[in-house]
Amino acid sequence: MPHVPATDAFAVFGIARTLDLDAADLERRYLKLSRECHPDHHRAENEADATAVLQRAAEVNDAWKVLRDPWRRARALLEAERHGVLEANKKLDPMFLAEALELAEEVAFAEGEQVAALRERLRSAADAGLDALKRDVEAEDLDAAARRVHESHYYLKALRDLEAKG
């Protein structure tokens, strides 16, 4: 039986655990839920009621942060399906790590026209990783999916570092 975290973002939104979510539908659900639990719409009879409303609003906001980002959503899905799968698959292939180090150096020294080409390459790599992760989840290979989540960290960090360069 899958482990259900204390706050399952998918359950908060009342949706099935999947990586493929319609962004517009997800946002509609978020807006609806946030209106339903907004403190301005609830007159609390007592302090406990006020606290419960605020806790529910925080829960909805936290779930929104997880579900709207495909990589955070993947982490939540994997942990909900098999608690500890991310921790158990933290060790990455040394060849991949060597390539990630080279990539970080390439980002550090990229200038001018190199930046745009490298940005596109990193975005493509991240997109390809997400597609592969979806295939791993569909094939129920959660270990491979967890390794892809960890690998994505390197591509996404390199992309952030490149964006920070301007």
Protein backbone atom coordinates (compact mmCIF):
# COMPACT_ATOMS: atom_id res chain seq x y z
CA MET A 1 0.00 0.00 0.00
CA PRO A 2 1.41 3.43 -0.94
CA HIS A 3 2.64 5.71 1.80
CA VAL A 4 0.48 8.82 2.18
CA PRO A 5 2.40 11.80 3.51
CA ALA A 6 0.89 13.94 6.27
CA THR A 7 -0.36 16.29 3.58
CA ASP A 8 -0.82 14.64 0.21
CA ALA A 9 -0.98 17.51 -2.31
CA PHE A 10 -3.03 15.40 -4.69
CA ALA A 11 -5.57 14.59 -1.97
CA VAL A 12 -5.78 18.26 -0.94
CA PHE A 13 -6.83 19.09 -4.50
CA GLY A 14 -9.04 16.01 -4.78
CA ILE A 15 -7.24 14.70 -7.85
CA ALA A 16 -5.62 11.43 -8.86
CA ARG A 17 -1.88 11.02 -8.42
CA THR A 18 -0.46 11.64 -11.85
CA LEU A 19 2.32 13.62 -13.45
CA ASP A 20 0.07 14.78 -16.27
CA LEU A 21 -2.08 17.57 -14.92
CA ASP A 22 -3.86 20.20 -16.96
CA ALA A 23 -2.35 23.52 -15.82
CA ALA A 24 -5.57 25.49 -16.40
CA ASP A 25 -7.69 22.94 -14.51
CA LEU A 26 -5.17 22.87 -11.69
CA GLU A 27 -5.27 26.65 -11.38
CA ARG A 28 -9.09 26.64 -11.40
CA ARG A 29 -9.07 24.10 -8.57
CA TYR A 30 -6.55 26.16 -6.64
CA LEU A 31 -8.60 29.35 -6.97
CA LYS A 32 -11.77 27.53 -5.94
CA LEU A 33 -10.12 25.91 -2.92
CA SER A 34 -8.40 29.09 -1.85
CA ARG A 35 -11.71 31.00 -2.03
CA GLU A 36 -13.45 28.30 -0.01
CA CYS A 37 -10.91 28.47 2.80
CA HIS A 38 -10.00 32.15 2.67
CA PRO A 39 -10.24 33.62 6.18
CA ASP A 40 -12.22 36.64 4.88
CA HIS A 41 -15.04 34.30 3.87
CA HIS A 42 -15.30 32.61 7.25
CA ARG A 43 -16.48 34.22 10.40
CA ALA A 44 -14.81 32.18 13.07
CA GLU A 45 -16.94 31.44 16.12
CA ASN A 46 -13.82 30.91 18.21
CA GLU A 47 -10.05 30.77 18.06
CA ALA A 48 -10.02 27.06 17.18
CA ASP A 49 -12.23 27.72 14.12
CA ALA A 50 -9.98 30.57 13.02
CA THR A 51 -6.91 28.37 13.40
CA ALA A 52 -8.53 25.56 11.40
CA VAL A 53 -9.36 27.95 8.55
CA LEU A 54 -5.81 29.28 8.50
CA GLN A 55 -4.38 25.75 8.56
CA ARG A 56 -6.57 24.72 5.64
CA ALA A 57 -5.52 27.81 3.67
CA ALA A 58 -1.86 27.00 4.32
CA GLU A 59 -2.45 23.38 3.28
CA VAL A 60 -4.02 24.49 -0.01
CA ASN A 61 -1.19 26.94 -0.70
CA ASP A 62 1.47 24.33 0.06
CA ALA A 63 -0.24 21.78 -2.19
CA TRP A 64 -0.45 24.39 -4.98
CA LYS A 65 3.31 25.00 -4.76
CA VAL A 66 3.95 21.28 -5.15
CA LEU A 67 1.44 20.51 -7.89
CA ARG A 68 2.14 23.44 -10.19
CA ASP A 69 5.82 22.51 -10.58
CA PRO A 70 6.26 19.24 -12.51
CA TRP A 71 9.46 18.28 -10.68
CA ARG A 72 8.05 18.94 -7.21
CA ARG A 73 4.92 17.07 -8.30
CA ALA A 74 7.09 14.13 -9.37
CA ARG A 75 8.84 14.09 -5.99
CA ALA A 76 5.49 14.12 -4.18
CA LEU A 77 4.06 11.38 -6.38
CA LEU A 78 7.08 9.11 -5.96
CA GLU A 79 7.16 9.52 -2.18
CA ALA A 80 3.41 8.94 -1.95
CA GLU A 81 3.70 5.77 -4.01
CA ARG A 82 6.76 4.40 -2.20
CA HIS A 83 8.02 6.21 0.88
CA GLY A 84 11.81 6.49 0.84
CA VAL A 85 12.25 5.87 -2.89
CA LEU A 86 14.01 9.20 -3.41
CA GLU A 87 16.43 8.63 -0.54
CA ALA A 88 17.15 5.07 -1.71
CA ASN A 89 18.09 6.30 -5.19
CA LYS A 90 20.26 9.30 -4.38
CA LYS A 91 23.46 7.71 -5.66
CA LEU A 92 23.90 8.65 -9.30
CA ASP A 93 26.08 7.17 -12.01
CA PRO A 94 29.65 8.58 -11.81
CA MET A 95 29.62 9.24 -15.57
CA PHE A 96 26.49 11.36 -15.18
CA LEU A 97 28.09 13.28 -12.32
CA ALA A 98 31.21 13.92 -14.42
CA GLU A 99 29.01 15.26 -17.22
CA ALA A 100 27.13 17.43 -14.72
CA LEU A 101 30.42 18.90 -13.51
CA GLU A 102 31.44 19.68 -17.10
CA LEU A 103 28.04 21.26 -17.67
CA ALA A 104 28.46 23.48 -14.59
CA GLU A 105 31.83 24.62 -15.90
CA GLU A 106 30.33 25.30 -19.32
CA VAL A 107 27.65 27.46 -17.69
CA ALA A 108 30.23 29.30 -15.62
CA PHE A 109 32.24 30.28 -18.69
CA ALA A 110 29.41 30.80 -21.21
CA GLU A 111 29.35 34.22 -22.82
CA GLY A 112 27.45 36.01 -25.55
CA GLU A 113 25.86 33.75 -28.15
CA GLN A 114 26.89 30.65 -26.20
CA VAL A 115 24.38 31.53 -23.49
CA ALA A 116 21.30 31.24 -25.72
CA ALA A 117 22.42 27.94 -27.23
CA LEU A 118 23.29 26.51 -23.83
CA ARG A 119 19.96 27.70 -22.38
CA GLU A 120 18.11 25.86 -25.16
CA ARG A 121 20.21 22.73 -24.63
CA LEU A 122 19.50 22.76 -20.89
CA ARG A 123 15.77 23.29 -21.38
CA SER A 124 15.70 20.42 -23.88
CA ALA A 125 17.59 18.17 -21.46
CA ALA A 126 15.19 19.03 -18.63
CA ASP A 127 12.16 18.43 -20.88
CA ALA A 128 13.60 15.11 -22.08
CA GLY A 129 14.25 14.11 -18.47
CA LEU A 130 10.66 14.89 -17.52
CA ASP A 131 9.36 12.86 -20.48
CA ALA A 132 11.58 9.93 -19.49
CA LEU A 133 10.43 10.25 -15.87
CA LYS A 134 6.80 10.01 -17.04
CA ARG A 135 7.63 6.85 -18.97
CA ASP A 136 9.37 5.40 -15.90
CA VAL A 137 6.31 6.11 -13.74
CA GLU A 138 3.98 4.60 -16.34
CA ALA A 139 6.19 1.50 -16.40
CA GLU A 140 6.08 1.51 -12.58
CA ASP A 141 9.89 1.78 -12.41
CA LEU A 142 9.93 4.14 -9.45
CA ASP A 143 13.64 3.63 -8.83
CA ALA A 144 14.53 4.89 -12.32
CA ALA A 145 12.05 7.76 -11.91
CA ALA A 146 13.64 8.72 -8.59
CA ARG A 147 17.12 8.77 -10.18
CA ARG A 148 15.76 11.03 -12.92
CA VAL A 149 14.41 13.42 -10.30
CA HIS A 150 17.87 13.60 -8.74
CA GLU A 151 19.52 14.06 -12.15
CA SER A 152 17.11 16.87 -12.98
CA HIS A 153 18.53 18.84 -10.07
CA TYR A 154 21.77 19.31 -12.00
CA TYR A 155 20.09 20.47 -15.21
CA LEU A 156 17.71 22.80 -13.40
CA LYS A 157 20.49 24.28 -11.27
CA ALA A 158 22.62 24.84 -14.37
CA LEU A 159 19.66 26.55 -16.02
CA ARG A 160 19.09 28.79 -12.97
CA ASP A 161 22.79 29.64 -12.86
CA LEU A 162 22.71 30.50 -16.56
CA GLU A 163 19.61 32.67 -16.12
CA ALA A 164 21.30 34.48 -13.23
CA LYS A 165 24.09 35.50 -15.59
CA GLY A 166 21.57 37.63 -17.44
